[in-house]
Structures are given as structure tokens and as C-alpha cells.
Amino acid sequence: QVQLVESGGGLVQAGGSLRLSCAASGRTFSSYAMGWFRQAPGKEREFVAAISWSGGSTYYGDSVKGRFTVTRDNAKNTVYLQMNRLKPEDTAVYYCGAGEGGYLRVGVAYDYWGQGTQVTVSS
């Protein structure tokens, strides 16, 4: 019932910035908490950031806290991930998820997922 499409990935040099977008279908977008996860080759899926349905609460993984910012615009059915001071270790496929709530730092909290967008940071 919910489809998510990520965009904004690409190739950037270390120290640069990117902004990812996740566009959701349907009129019920504002009912969902939204999260970002990433997965690099040979590594487990890692929690990046999450935001509550109202935007009043945000959460970040330790590896990105202070560099990344998650926001949402419910009128546009879109969640964003602003990534600053990028490092080569940020290279991964980034996935957007939508869920009804709970412990948002784990993937099982999310019912729907996008196809992912590649972020590559060169040194």
C-alpha cells in the first residue's frame, strides 16, 4: 500500500555533501515514522537516522551523529537525509523505510522499503 522511492545518491569527494530524498505514495504518509539505513558490501545493514511521524523526534547512529540531519515534509510526502562532511566509510547503498513506530533503530520496525540509492565517497 506504500511505495518508497529514494533519489539523490551519487559520487562525491570526501568532505563534500549530498541530500537524499525519499518520496512516498499515498495519503497516509504522515501516519508513519521514517528511517534511513545503509549497507556496504560485506557489512551488516546499519541504522543511520529516523524521524517520528510528527517530526518532533529524531534519532541518529553513532557513526553519523553531528554530520547527518533527517527531516520530513509531510505536505510533500517526502523525507530527507542531509549528509555533510562525508567520509569514504559512508559509501553504501542507502535505503528508506516506513513504519508505524516502535524502536526505530532496528530494521524490523519498518513495514515498507525503497529500492535504495548508491552513495560513493572518494578519498
Protein backbone atom coordinates (compact mmCIF):
# COMPACT_ATOMS: atom_id res chain seq x y z
CA GLN A 1 0.00 0.00 0.00
CA VAL A 2 3.02 2.27 0.47
CA GLN A 3 5.75 2.67 -2.11
CA LEU A 4 9.01 4.49 -1.41
CA VAL A 5 11.50 5.83 -3.95
CA GLU A 6 14.93 7.12 -2.94
CA SER A 7 16.91 9.61 -5.00
CA GLY A 8 19.87 11.96 -4.70
CA GLY A 9 22.73 9.48 -4.43
CA GLY A 10 25.91 9.80 -6.42
CA LEU A 11 29.68 10.20 -6.33
CA VAL A 12 31.23 12.85 -4.11
CA GLN A 13 34.69 13.59 -2.74
CA ALA A 14 35.47 13.24 0.95
CA GLY A 15 34.34 16.31 2.86
CA GLY A 16 31.51 17.01 0.45
CA SER A 17 27.74 16.90 0.90
CA LEU A 18 24.71 15.16 -0.56
CA ARG A 19 20.99 15.31 0.17
CA LEU A 20 18.95 12.15 -0.25
CA SER A 21 15.19 12.20 -0.76
CA CYS A 22 12.59 9.51 -0.17
CA ALA A 23 9.22 10.08 -1.81
CA ALA A 24 6.22 8.09 -0.54
CA SER A 25 2.94 7.27 -2.23
CA GLY A 26 -0.50 7.53 -0.66
CA ARG A 27 -2.31 9.95 1.61
CA THR A 28 -1.20 8.25 4.83
CA PHE A 29 2.46 9.28 4.76
CA SER A 30 2.09 11.44 7.87
CA SER A 31 1.00 8.38 9.89
CA TYR A 32 4.40 6.70 9.53
CA ALA A 33 7.72 7.07 11.19
CA MET A 34 10.54 7.12 8.64
CA GLY A 35 14.05 5.75 8.82
CA TRP A 36 17.27 5.57 6.84
CA PHE A 37 19.55 2.52 6.78
CA ARG A 38 22.65 1.75 4.76
CA GLN A 39 24.54 -1.34 3.69
CA ALA A 40 28.06 -1.59 2.32
CA PRO A 41 29.50 -4.71 0.62
CA GLY A 42 30.46 -7.32 3.19
CA LYS A 43 28.87 -5.42 6.08
CA GLU A 44 25.62 -5.71 8.01
CA ARG A 45 22.80 -3.26 7.46
CA GLU A 46 23.42 -0.22 9.65
CA PHE A 47 20.98 2.24 11.19
CA VAL A 48 21.59 5.80 10.02
CA ALA A 49 18.70 8.06 11.11
CA ALA A 50 14.98 8.09 11.89
CA ILE A 51 12.23 10.65 12.42
CA SER A 52 8.83 10.37 14.11
CA TRP A 53 5.51 10.88 12.31
CA SER A 54 5.30 14.48 13.50
CA GLY A 55 8.97 15.28 13.00
CA GLY A 56 9.27 16.08 16.70
CA SER A 57 11.76 13.30 17.47
CA THR A 58 14.90 12.34 15.57
CA TYR A 59 17.47 9.60 16.10
CA TYR A 60 20.95 9.03 14.67
CA GLY A 61 23.51 6.28 14.54
CA ASP A 62 26.76 6.98 16.35
CA SER A 63 28.79 6.96 13.15
CA VAL A 64 26.80 9.82 11.57
CA LYS A 65 25.66 11.93 14.52
CA GLY A 66 26.70 15.54 14.08
CA ARG A 67 27.19 15.14 10.32
CA PHE A 68 23.78 13.95 9.04
CA THR A 69 20.34 15.51 9.54
CA VAL A 70 16.97 13.86 8.86
CA THR A 71 13.88 15.96 8.16
CA ARG A 72 10.43 15.40 6.68
CA ASP A 73 7.87 17.39 4.74
CA ASN A 74 4.51 15.68 5.15
CA ALA A 75 2.83 18.03 2.67
CA LYS A 76 5.19 16.67 0.01
CA ASN A 77 5.16 13.07 1.30
CA THR A 78 8.94 13.21 1.44
CA VAL A 79 11.70 12.56 3.96
CA TYR A 80 15.23 13.89 3.50
CA LEU A 81 18.71 12.96 4.68
CA GLN A 82 21.23 15.79 4.55
CA MET A 83 24.75 14.35 4.63
CA ASN A 84 27.67 16.68 5.36
CA ARG A 85 31.41 16.13 5.80
CA LEU A 86 31.15 12.81 4.03
CA LYS A 87 33.81 10.16 4.60
CA PRO A 88 34.84 7.17 2.46
CA GLU A 89 33.32 4.87 5.09
CA ASP A 90 29.92 6.42 4.33
CA THR A 91 29.98 4.62 0.97
CA ALA A 92 26.95 2.31 0.84
CA VAL A 93 23.50 1.76 -0.60
CA TYR A 94 21.07 3.89 1.40
CA TYR A 95 17.52 2.63 1.99
CA CYS A 96 14.43 4.47 3.19
CA GLY A 97 11.84 2.68 5.36
CA ALA A 98 8.35 3.48 6.66
CA GLY A 99 6.89 2.05 9.86
CA GLU A 100 4.13 2.54 12.40
CA GLY A 101 6.51 3.25 15.27
CA GLY A 102 8.34 1.39 17.98
CA TYR A 103 12.10 1.06 18.35
CA LEU A 104 13.16 2.82 15.17
CA ARG A 105 16.85 1.87 15.35
CA VAL A 106 16.12 -1.65 14.05
CA GLY A 107 15.00 -2.68 10.59
CA VAL A 108 12.10 -4.82 11.82
CA ALA A 109 10.31 -1.63 12.89
CA TYR A 110 9.65 -0.81 9.23
CA ASP A 111 6.94 -2.29 7.05
CA TYR A 112 7.92 -0.79 3.69
CA TRP A 113 11.24 -0.16 1.97
CA GLY A 114 12.51 1.69 -1.06
CA GLN A 115 14.84 0.29 -3.71
CA GLY A 116 17.92 2.08 -2.39
CA THR A 117 20.27 4.69 -3.80
CA GLN A 118 24.05 4.38 -4.10
CA VAL A 119 26.32 6.85 -2.30
CA THR A 120 30.03 6.67 -3.11
CA VAL A 121 32.59 8.87 -1.34
CA SER A 122 36.08 9.02 -2.82
CA SER A 123 39.20 9.75 -0.78
